Protein backbone atom coordinates (compact mmCIF):
# COMPACT_ATOMS: atom_id res chain seq x y z
CA MET A 1 0.01 -0.01 0.02
CA ILE A 2 1.25 3.46 -0.94
CA GLU A 3 1.44 5.85 2.03
CA ASN A 4 1.28 9.19 0.18
CA LEU A 5 -0.89 8.81 -2.86
CA PRO A 6 -0.07 11.22 -5.72
CA PRO A 7 -2.71 13.63 -7.00
CA CYS A 8 -4.55 12.85 -10.22
CA PRO A 9 -2.41 13.70 -13.27
CA GLN A 10 -5.51 14.75 -15.26
CA CYS A 11 -7.56 16.90 -12.84
CA SER A 12 -5.10 17.38 -9.94
CA SER A 13 -7.58 16.04 -7.42
CA GLU A 14 -5.99 15.10 -4.08
CA TYR A 15 -8.66 12.47 -3.28
CA SER A 16 -7.10 9.57 -5.23
CA TYR A 17 -7.29 6.06 -3.76
CA GLU A 18 -5.59 2.76 -4.33
CA MET A 19 -7.40 -0.19 -6.04
CA ASN A 20 -5.39 -3.35 -6.67
CA ASN A 21 -2.19 -2.11 -8.42
CA LEU A 22 -3.85 1.08 -9.79
CA VAL A 23 -4.46 4.49 -8.35
CA VAL A 24 -7.94 5.90 -9.16
CA CYS A 25 -9.37 9.44 -9.06
CA PRO A 26 -12.96 9.53 -7.80
CA GLU A 27 -13.64 12.95 -9.40
CA CYS A 28 -12.74 12.29 -13.04
CA GLY A 29 -12.47 8.44 -13.06
CA HIS A 30 -8.86 8.44 -14.31
CA GLU A 31 -6.89 5.26 -13.49
CA TRP A 32 -3.08 5.00 -13.60
CA VAL A 33 -0.13 2.93 -12.38
CA PRO A 34 1.98 5.09 -10.04
CA GLY A 35 5.53 5.54 -11.21
CA ALA A 36 5.09 3.77 -14.57
CA GLU A 37 5.24 6.91 -16.72
CA ALA A 38 8.04 8.45 -14.60
CA ALA A 39 10.24 5.35 -15.16
CA ALA A 40 9.62 5.43 -18.95
CA GLU A 41 10.27 9.14 -19.15
CA ALA A 42 13.55 8.76 -17.24
CA ASP A 43 14.73 6.37 -19.91
CA GLY A 44 14.16 9.04 -22.59
CA GLU A 45 11.51 7.11 -24.49
CA ARG A 46 8.17 8.44 -25.63
CA VAL A 47 5.20 7.35 -23.50
CA ILE A 48 1.88 6.53 -25.22
CA LYS A 49 -1.11 5.98 -23.02
CA ASP A 50 -4.53 4.50 -23.72
CA ALA A 51 -7.92 6.12 -23.06
CA VAL A 52 -7.74 5.35 -19.33
CA GLY A 53 -4.04 6.21 -18.77
CA ASN A 54 -2.36 2.77 -19.07
CA VAL A 55 1.07 2.85 -20.71
CA LEU A 56 1.05 1.00 -24.13
CA SER A 57 3.95 -0.87 -25.67
CA ASP A 58 4.61 -2.76 -28.92
CA GLY A 59 2.80 -6.11 -29.12
CA ASP A 60 0.01 -5.23 -26.71
CA THR A 61 -3.57 -6.26 -27.25
CA VAL A 62 -6.09 -3.44 -26.99
CA THR A 63 -9.89 -3.01 -27.23
CA VAL A 64 -11.62 -0.22 -29.12
CA VAL A 65 -13.70 1.80 -26.62
CA LYS A 66 -15.96 3.71 -29.01
CA ALA A 67 -17.43 3.06 -32.49
CA LEU A 68 -15.26 4.38 -35.30
CA LYS A 69 -16.28 5.34 -38.84
CA VAL A 70 -14.10 3.95 -41.65
CA LYS A 71 -14.07 5.52 -45.11
CA GLY A 72 -15.36 3.10 -47.74
CA ASN A 73 -16.98 0.81 -45.21
CA PRO A 74 -20.62 1.32 -44.19
CA SER A 75 -20.43 -0.53 -40.89
CA GLY A 76 -17.22 0.89 -39.34
CA ILE A 77 -15.43 -0.56 -36.32
CA LYS A 78 -17.63 -1.43 -33.34
CA ALA A 79 -16.84 -0.66 -29.75
CA GLY A 80 -15.37 -3.70 -28.10
CA THR A 81 -13.39 -4.88 -31.10
CA LYS A 82 -10.11 -6.49 -30.01
CA VAL A 83 -6.89 -5.56 -31.81
CA ARG A 84 -3.94 -7.78 -31.26
CA ASN A 85 -0.21 -7.15 -31.67
CA ILE A 86 -0.19 -3.32 -32.01
CA ARG A 87 2.87 -1.37 -33.04
CA LEU A 88 3.56 2.16 -31.77
CA VAL A 89 4.55 4.69 -34.42
CA ASP A 90 5.05 8.43 -34.88
CA GLY A 91 1.85 8.91 -36.87
CA VAL A 92 0.07 11.81 -38.40
CA ASP A 93 -2.73 13.69 -36.56
CA GLY A 94 -2.25 11.71 -33.36
CA HIS A 95 -2.65 8.30 -35.01
CA ASP A 96 0.12 6.60 -33.05
CA ILE A 97 -0.95 2.89 -33.23
CA ASP A 98 -0.33 0.83 -36.33
CA CYS A 99 -2.38 -2.37 -36.44
CA ARG A 100 -4.28 -4.86 -38.45
CA ILE A 101 -8.00 -5.34 -37.74
CA ASP A 102 -9.81 -8.48 -38.94
CA GLY A 103 -12.27 -7.56 -41.69
CA PHE A 104 -10.73 -4.12 -42.20
CA GLY A 105 -7.00 -4.67 -42.83
CA ALA A 106 -4.11 -2.50 -41.90
CA MET A 107 -4.83 0.90 -40.39
CA GLN A 108 -3.73 3.43 -37.79
CA LEU A 109 -5.66 4.28 -34.63
CA LYS A 110 -5.39 6.96 -32.01
CA SER A 111 -4.38 5.85 -28.58
CA SER A 112 -7.26 7.87 -27.13
CA VAL A 113 -9.87 5.43 -28.58
CA VAL A 114 -8.38 2.21 -27.22
CA LYS A 115 -8.02 0.51 -23.84
CA LYS A 116 -5.33 -1.97 -22.93
CA ALA A 117 -6.87 -5.47 -22.70
């Protein structure tokens, strides 16, 4: 158990609490692993986080958290679609995940629309 819990990195609320290995903010609902982003930033590498604040890395499996429209496809990508073996890239317009989705092929996604599975 952590004695002095850090404030929320999103809303700066001081009322964060510990749940399993995560720290949770009751005001904005943000969840994060304490110290994970600080260790990665100390190594000098770029940190990419998912929609809830988990740090992503190459080869992770993620789940799409909201429905996405795809040009040329009337159905789009539904929320809850699992994407396996992602690759983190320096993309255009914030599209920092390169992946292959069954039924759609290769595409790039924003890290703000996925959650680590």
